[in-house]
N, C-alpha and C. Protein backbone atom coordinates (compact mmCIF):
# COMPACT_ATOMS: atom_id res chain seq x y z
N MET A 1 -28.64 14.80 22.61
CA MET A 1 -29.66 13.80 22.43
C MET A 1 -29.04 12.42 22.68
N VAL A 2 -29.74 11.62 23.43
CA VAL A 2 -29.25 10.30 23.81
C VAL A 2 -30.03 9.24 23.03
N ASP A 3 -29.30 8.30 22.47
CA ASP A 3 -29.95 7.20 21.76
C ASP A 3 -30.50 6.20 22.76
N THR A 4 -31.55 5.51 22.36
CA THR A 4 -32.09 4.45 23.19
C THR A 4 -31.18 3.24 23.09
N PRO A 5 -31.24 2.34 24.06
CA PRO A 5 -30.41 1.13 23.97
C PRO A 5 -30.64 0.33 22.69
N ASP A 6 -31.89 0.30 22.20
CA ASP A 6 -32.17 -0.42 20.95
C ASP A 6 -31.46 0.23 19.77
N GLU A 7 -31.47 1.56 19.71
CA GLU A 7 -30.80 2.25 18.61
C GLU A 7 -29.29 2.01 18.68
N ASP A 8 -28.74 2.07 19.89
CA ASP A 8 -27.31 1.80 20.07
C ASP A 8 -26.97 0.38 19.61
N TYR A 9 -27.79 -0.59 20.02
CA TYR A 9 -27.54 -1.99 19.68
C TYR A 9 -27.57 -2.18 18.16
N HIS A 10 -28.59 -1.65 17.50
CA HIS A 10 -28.70 -1.84 16.06
C HIS A 10 -27.57 -1.14 15.31
N ARG A 11 -27.19 0.05 15.76
CA ARG A 11 -26.09 0.76 15.12
C ARG A 11 -24.78 -0.01 15.31
N ASP A 12 -24.54 -0.46 16.54
CA ASP A 12 -23.30 -1.18 16.82
C ASP A 12 -23.24 -2.52 16.10
N SER A 13 -24.36 -3.24 16.06
CA SER A 13 -24.34 -4.54 15.38
C SER A 13 -24.17 -4.37 13.88
N ALA A 14 -24.72 -3.31 13.31
CA ALA A 14 -24.51 -3.05 11.88
C ALA A 14 -23.05 -2.73 11.61
N ARG A 15 -22.42 -2.00 12.50
CA ARG A 15 -21.00 -1.68 12.34
C ARG A 15 -20.14 -2.93 12.43
N VAL A 16 -20.46 -3.82 13.37
CA VAL A 16 -19.71 -5.06 13.51
C VAL A 16 -19.86 -5.92 12.25
N ARG A 17 -21.08 -6.00 11.72
CA ARG A 17 -21.31 -6.77 10.48
C ARG A 17 -20.50 -6.18 9.33
N ALA A 18 -20.46 -4.85 9.23
CA ALA A 18 -19.71 -4.20 8.16
C ALA A 18 -18.22 -4.49 8.28
N LEU A 19 -17.70 -4.44 9.50
CA LEU A 19 -16.27 -4.72 9.70
C LEU A 19 -15.94 -6.18 9.42
N ARG A 20 -16.80 -7.08 9.88
CA ARG A 20 -16.57 -8.52 9.60
C ARG A 20 -16.58 -8.79 8.10
N GLY A 21 -17.52 -8.17 7.40
CA GLY A 21 -17.58 -8.34 5.96
C GLY A 21 -16.34 -7.83 5.27
N PHE A 22 -15.85 -6.68 5.73
CA PHE A 22 -14.63 -6.13 5.14
C PHE A 22 -13.43 -7.04 5.39
N TYR A 23 -13.26 -7.50 6.63
CA TYR A 23 -12.11 -8.36 6.93
C TYR A 23 -12.19 -9.69 6.18
N ALA A 24 -13.38 -10.22 6.00
CA ALA A 24 -13.53 -11.44 5.19
C ALA A 24 -13.12 -11.16 3.75
N HIS A 25 -13.49 -9.98 3.23
CA HIS A 25 -13.13 -9.59 1.87
C HIS A 25 -11.60 -9.49 1.74
N VAL A 26 -10.93 -8.93 2.75
CA VAL A 26 -9.47 -8.81 2.72
C VAL A 26 -8.82 -10.18 2.68
N ILE A 27 -9.30 -11.09 3.51
CA ILE A 27 -8.72 -12.45 3.55
C ILE A 27 -8.89 -13.15 2.22
N VAL A 28 -10.08 -13.08 1.64
CA VAL A 28 -10.32 -13.72 0.34
C VAL A 28 -9.43 -13.07 -0.73
N TYR A 29 -9.32 -11.75 -0.70
CA TYR A 29 -8.47 -11.03 -1.66
C TYR A 29 -7.03 -11.52 -1.59
N ILE A 30 -6.50 -11.63 -0.39
CA ILE A 30 -5.10 -12.06 -0.23
C ILE A 30 -4.92 -13.50 -0.69
N VAL A 31 -5.78 -14.40 -0.25
CA VAL A 31 -5.64 -15.82 -0.59
C VAL A 31 -5.77 -16.03 -2.11
N VAL A 32 -6.77 -15.43 -2.71
CA VAL A 32 -6.99 -15.63 -4.15
C VAL A 32 -5.84 -15.03 -4.96
N ASN A 33 -5.38 -13.86 -4.57
CA ASN A 33 -4.31 -13.23 -5.34
C ASN A 33 -2.97 -13.94 -5.17
N ILE A 34 -2.71 -14.50 -4.01
CA ILE A 34 -1.50 -15.32 -3.85
C ILE A 34 -1.61 -16.56 -4.75
N ALA A 35 -2.77 -17.18 -4.76
CA ALA A 35 -2.97 -18.36 -5.62
C ALA A 35 -2.80 -17.98 -7.09
N LEU A 36 -3.35 -16.83 -7.49
CA LEU A 36 -3.19 -16.40 -8.88
C LEU A 36 -1.74 -16.09 -9.22
N LEU A 37 -1.01 -15.51 -8.28
CA LEU A 37 0.40 -15.23 -8.51
C LEU A 37 1.18 -16.53 -8.70
N VAL A 38 0.90 -17.52 -7.86
CA VAL A 38 1.59 -18.81 -7.98
C VAL A 38 1.25 -19.46 -9.33
N ILE A 39 -0.02 -19.46 -9.70
CA ILE A 39 -0.42 -20.03 -11.00
C ILE A 39 0.27 -19.28 -12.13
N ASN A 40 0.29 -17.95 -12.03
CA ASN A 40 0.94 -17.13 -13.05
C ASN A 40 2.42 -17.48 -13.19
N LEU A 41 3.12 -17.59 -12.07
CA LEU A 41 4.55 -17.87 -12.11
C LEU A 41 4.86 -19.27 -12.60
N ILE A 42 3.96 -20.21 -12.36
CA ILE A 42 4.17 -21.58 -12.85
C ILE A 42 3.82 -21.69 -14.33
N ALA A 43 2.67 -21.13 -14.71
CA ALA A 43 2.17 -21.30 -16.07
C ALA A 43 2.91 -20.42 -17.09
N SER A 44 3.15 -19.18 -16.73
CA SER A 44 3.81 -18.27 -17.69
C SER A 44 4.67 -17.26 -16.92
N PRO A 45 5.85 -17.69 -16.49
CA PRO A 45 6.68 -16.82 -15.66
C PRO A 45 7.18 -15.57 -16.37
N ASN A 46 7.21 -15.59 -17.69
CA ASN A 46 7.71 -14.43 -18.44
C ASN A 46 6.66 -13.33 -18.63
N VAL A 47 5.40 -13.67 -18.42
CA VAL A 47 4.31 -12.70 -18.62
C VAL A 47 3.49 -12.66 -17.32
N LEU A 48 3.54 -11.52 -16.67
CA LEU A 48 2.76 -11.38 -15.44
C LEU A 48 1.37 -10.83 -15.78
N TRP A 49 0.36 -11.60 -15.43
CA TRP A 49 -1.01 -11.19 -15.70
C TRP A 49 -1.87 -11.12 -14.44
N PHE A 50 -1.38 -11.63 -13.32
CA PHE A 50 -2.21 -11.70 -12.11
C PHE A 50 -2.66 -10.32 -11.64
N TYR A 51 -1.85 -9.30 -11.92
CA TYR A 51 -2.21 -7.96 -11.46
C TYR A 51 -3.43 -7.38 -12.19
N TRP A 52 -3.77 -7.94 -13.36
CA TRP A 52 -4.97 -7.50 -14.07
C TRP A 52 -6.23 -7.84 -13.26
N ILE A 53 -6.10 -8.76 -12.37
CA ILE A 53 -7.21 -9.11 -11.47
C ILE A 53 -7.03 -8.41 -10.13
N ALA A 54 -5.80 -8.38 -9.64
CA ALA A 54 -5.53 -7.81 -8.32
C ALA A 54 -5.81 -6.31 -8.24
N VAL A 55 -5.46 -5.56 -9.27
CA VAL A 55 -5.62 -4.10 -9.20
C VAL A 55 -7.10 -3.68 -9.19
N PRO A 56 -7.92 -4.11 -10.14
CA PRO A 56 -9.33 -3.69 -10.07
C PRO A 56 -10.02 -4.21 -8.80
N TRP A 57 -9.71 -5.41 -8.40
CA TRP A 57 -10.29 -5.94 -7.17
C TRP A 57 -9.82 -5.13 -5.97
N GLY A 58 -8.54 -4.70 -5.99
CA GLY A 58 -8.01 -3.85 -4.93
C GLY A 58 -8.73 -2.52 -4.85
N ILE A 59 -9.11 -1.98 -6.00
CA ILE A 59 -9.89 -0.73 -6.01
C ILE A 59 -11.25 -0.97 -5.36
N GLY A 60 -11.87 -2.08 -5.68
CA GLY A 60 -13.14 -2.43 -5.04
C GLY A 60 -12.97 -2.61 -3.54
N LEU A 61 -11.87 -3.22 -3.14
CA LEU A 61 -11.58 -3.42 -1.72
C LEU A 61 -11.38 -2.07 -1.01
N PHE A 62 -10.74 -1.13 -1.69
CA PHE A 62 -10.57 0.21 -1.14
C PHE A 62 -11.92 0.86 -0.85
N PHE A 63 -12.85 0.76 -1.79
CA PHE A 63 -14.18 1.35 -1.57
C PHE A 63 -14.95 0.61 -0.49
N HIS A 64 -14.73 -0.68 -0.37
CA HIS A 64 -15.34 -1.45 0.71
C HIS A 64 -14.79 -0.95 2.05
N ALA A 65 -13.49 -0.66 2.10
CA ALA A 65 -12.88 -0.13 3.33
C ALA A 65 -13.48 1.24 3.68
N LEU A 66 -13.66 2.08 2.68
CA LEU A 66 -14.29 3.38 2.94
C LEU A 66 -15.67 3.21 3.54
N ASP A 67 -16.42 2.27 2.99
CA ASP A 67 -17.77 2.03 3.50
C ASP A 67 -17.74 1.46 4.91
N ALA A 68 -16.81 0.57 5.19
CA ALA A 68 -16.77 -0.09 6.50
C ALA A 68 -16.23 0.82 7.60
N PHE A 69 -15.34 1.73 7.27
CA PHE A 69 -14.68 2.52 8.31
C PHE A 69 -15.15 3.96 8.42
N THR A 70 -16.04 4.40 7.56
CA THR A 70 -16.53 5.77 7.68
C THR A 70 -17.75 5.82 8.57
N VAL A 71 -17.97 6.97 9.15
CA VAL A 71 -19.11 7.16 10.05
C VAL A 71 -20.36 7.31 9.21
N ARG A 72 -21.38 6.60 9.62
CA ARG A 72 -22.65 6.66 8.90
C ARG A 72 -23.40 7.94 9.26
N LEU A 73 -24.06 8.50 8.28
CA LEU A 73 -24.94 9.63 8.56
C LEU A 73 -26.20 9.11 9.23
N PRO A 74 -26.82 9.92 10.07
CA PRO A 74 -28.04 9.44 10.72
C PRO A 74 -29.13 9.20 9.68
N ASP A 75 -30.02 8.30 10.01
CA ASP A 75 -31.09 8.01 9.06
C ASP A 75 -32.03 9.21 8.96
N ILE A 76 -32.76 9.28 7.87
CA ILE A 76 -33.62 10.42 7.58
C ILE A 76 -34.70 10.60 8.64
N GLU A 77 -35.30 9.51 9.07
CA GLU A 77 -36.37 9.60 10.06
C GLU A 77 -35.86 10.24 11.35
N ARG A 78 -34.70 9.81 11.79
CA ARG A 78 -34.13 10.37 13.03
C ARG A 78 -33.75 11.82 12.82
N ALA A 79 -33.20 12.15 11.66
CA ALA A 79 -32.82 13.53 11.38
C ALA A 79 -34.04 14.44 11.35
N ASN A 80 -35.17 13.92 10.91
CA ASN A 80 -36.39 14.72 10.90
C ASN A 80 -36.95 14.93 12.30
N ARG A 81 -36.65 14.03 13.23
CA ARG A 81 -37.15 14.16 14.60
C ARG A 81 -36.39 15.22 15.39
N VAL A 82 -35.16 15.48 15.02
CA VAL A 82 -34.31 16.39 15.80
C VAL A 82 -34.92 17.77 15.94
N PRO A 83 -35.37 18.44 14.85
CA PRO A 83 -35.96 19.77 15.04
C PRO A 83 -37.18 19.74 15.96
N ASP A 84 -37.98 18.69 15.88
CA ASP A 84 -39.15 18.58 16.76
C ASP A 84 -38.72 18.46 18.22
N GLU A 85 -37.69 17.69 18.48
CA GLU A 85 -37.22 17.52 19.86
C GLU A 85 -36.62 18.82 20.40
N VAL A 86 -35.90 19.55 19.55
CA VAL A 86 -35.33 20.83 19.98
C VAL A 86 -36.45 21.82 20.28
N ALA A 87 -37.45 21.88 19.41
CA ALA A 87 -38.59 22.78 19.65
C ALA A 87 -39.31 22.41 20.92
N GLU A 88 -39.48 21.13 21.19
CA GLU A 88 -40.15 20.69 22.41
C GLU A 88 -39.36 21.11 23.65
N ARG A 89 -38.05 20.96 23.61
CA ARG A 89 -37.22 21.40 24.75
C ARG A 89 -37.34 22.91 24.98
N ARG A 90 -37.37 23.68 23.90
CA ARG A 90 -37.51 25.13 24.03
C ARG A 90 -38.85 25.48 24.65
N ARG A 91 -39.91 24.79 24.25
CA ARG A 91 -41.24 25.05 24.81
C ARG A 91 -41.26 24.75 26.29
N ARG A 92 -40.61 23.64 26.69
CA ARG A 92 -40.58 23.29 28.11
C ARG A 92 -39.80 24.33 28.92
N ARG A 93 -38.71 24.81 28.38
CA ARG A 93 -37.91 25.82 29.09
C ARG A 93 -38.66 27.14 29.20
N ALA A 94 -39.35 27.50 28.13
CA ALA A 94 -40.05 28.79 28.10
C ALA A 94 -41.32 28.77 28.95
N GLY A 95 -41.92 27.66 29.05
CA GLY A 95 -43.24 27.65 29.65
C GLY A 95 -43.35 26.94 30.90
């Protein structure tokens, strides 16, 4: 089954948006956590607390990466059309 150019465009643009969002999240994560590390080392060098923010946020970033880099399942409407299209092809071949 071949997608129409519109379906390809929308799928590809959604993927690009997801990747851009993920990379923006990574940049903010790195910048904020470096700033927190510097503040931590200046304010209380004997007690490290910045990781209490970095670790849970890193877990969230991991799930964002899973969402951005995994293949999307086809939408329900398109999945429902597939059996109809297969049946139509069989009817054309048979008749």
